[in-house]
Amino acid sequence: MVMEGETVHRGAPLPYEGAMLQVCVSPAGFYLGYVDRDGLPWSRESDYFKTSGAAGRALASGEWTPR
């Protein structure tokens, strides 16, 4: 997992070649991020969203702010 505060957006490596930004979930909420090949969290690229739908719309539209 990438160290706290590092994101792919800020230059951290992808977890594997071809990894895609996706909607992820944690106890804190939904976010846009990357997971490794095992499906484990790699990086959180966005702030949290209240719903998966809101996160999905942000991902689809590109209208979200990298953290």
Protein backbone atom coordinates (compact mmCIF):
# COMPACT_ATOMS: atom_id res chain seq x y z
CA MET A 1 0.00 0.00 0.00
CA VAL A 2 1.13 3.53 -0.74
CA MET A 3 2.18 5.57 2.30
CA GLU A 4 -0.39 7.95 3.76
CA GLY A 5 -0.46 11.24 1.90
CA GLU A 6 0.90 9.73 -1.32
CA THR A 7 -1.37 9.29 -4.30
CA VAL A 8 -0.91 8.10 -7.84
CA HIS A 9 -1.97 11.61 -8.83
CA ARG A 10 1.06 12.96 -6.94
CA GLY A 11 3.49 10.50 -8.45
CA ALA A 12 3.15 7.26 -6.52
CA PRO A 13 3.35 4.17 -8.74
CA LEU A 14 0.28 2.28 -9.89
CA PRO A 15 -0.24 -0.97 -7.97
CA TYR A 16 0.21 -2.85 -11.26
CA GLU A 17 0.37 -1.98 -14.94
CA GLY A 18 -3.06 -1.13 -16.29
CA ALA A 19 -4.67 -0.49 -12.89
CA MET A 20 -7.77 1.68 -13.24
CA LEU A 21 -9.17 4.31 -10.92
CA GLN A 22 -12.38 2.98 -9.37
CA VAL A 23 -14.99 3.51 -6.69
CA CYS A 24 -13.79 1.99 -3.42
CA VAL A 25 -15.41 1.73 0.00
CA SER A 26 -14.14 1.94 3.56
CA PRO A 27 -15.81 2.45 6.94
CA ALA A 28 -15.40 6.22 6.36
CA GLY A 29 -17.33 6.20 3.07
CA PHE A 30 -16.86 5.85 -0.67
CA TYR A 31 -13.84 7.22 -2.49
CA LEU A 32 -11.98 7.04 -5.78
CA GLY A 33 -8.84 5.01 -5.57
CA TYR A 34 -6.74 2.11 -6.71
CA VAL A 35 -6.61 -1.44 -5.42
CA ASP A 36 -3.87 -4.02 -5.86
CA ARG A 37 -4.24 -7.30 -7.77
CA ASP A 38 -5.71 -8.92 -4.65
CA GLY A 39 -8.38 -6.22 -4.34
CA LEU A 40 -6.72 -4.61 -1.33
CA PRO A 41 -6.64 -0.80 -1.04
CA TRP A 42 -3.60 0.82 -2.67
CA SER A 43 -4.35 4.54 -2.63
CA ARG A 44 -7.19 6.94 -1.91
CA GLU A 45 -7.15 9.59 -4.62
CA SER A 46 -10.26 11.59 -3.63
CA ASP A 47 -12.09 12.81 -0.59
CA TYR A 48 -14.99 10.71 0.66
CA PHE A 49 -18.45 10.62 -0.90
CA LYS A 50 -21.65 9.80 1.00
CA THR A 51 -22.89 7.27 -1.57
CA SER A 52 -21.41 4.95 -4.16
CA GLY A 53 -23.61 6.67 -6.74
CA ALA A 54 -22.07 10.05 -6.00
CA ALA A 55 -18.59 8.57 -6.28
CA GLY A 56 -19.49 6.82 -9.53
CA ARG A 57 -20.86 10.01 -11.04
CA ALA A 58 -17.71 11.90 -10.05
CA LEU A 59 -15.54 9.20 -11.62
CA ALA A 60 -17.61 9.13 -14.83
CA SER A 61 -17.69 12.90 -15.21
CA GLY A 62 -14.12 13.55 -14.08
CA GLU A 63 -15.48 16.20 -11.74
CA TRP A 64 -13.64 15.48 -8.50
CA THR A 65 -10.67 16.98 -6.75
CA PRO A 66 -7.51 14.92 -6.22
CA ARG A 67 -6.31 14.99 -2.63
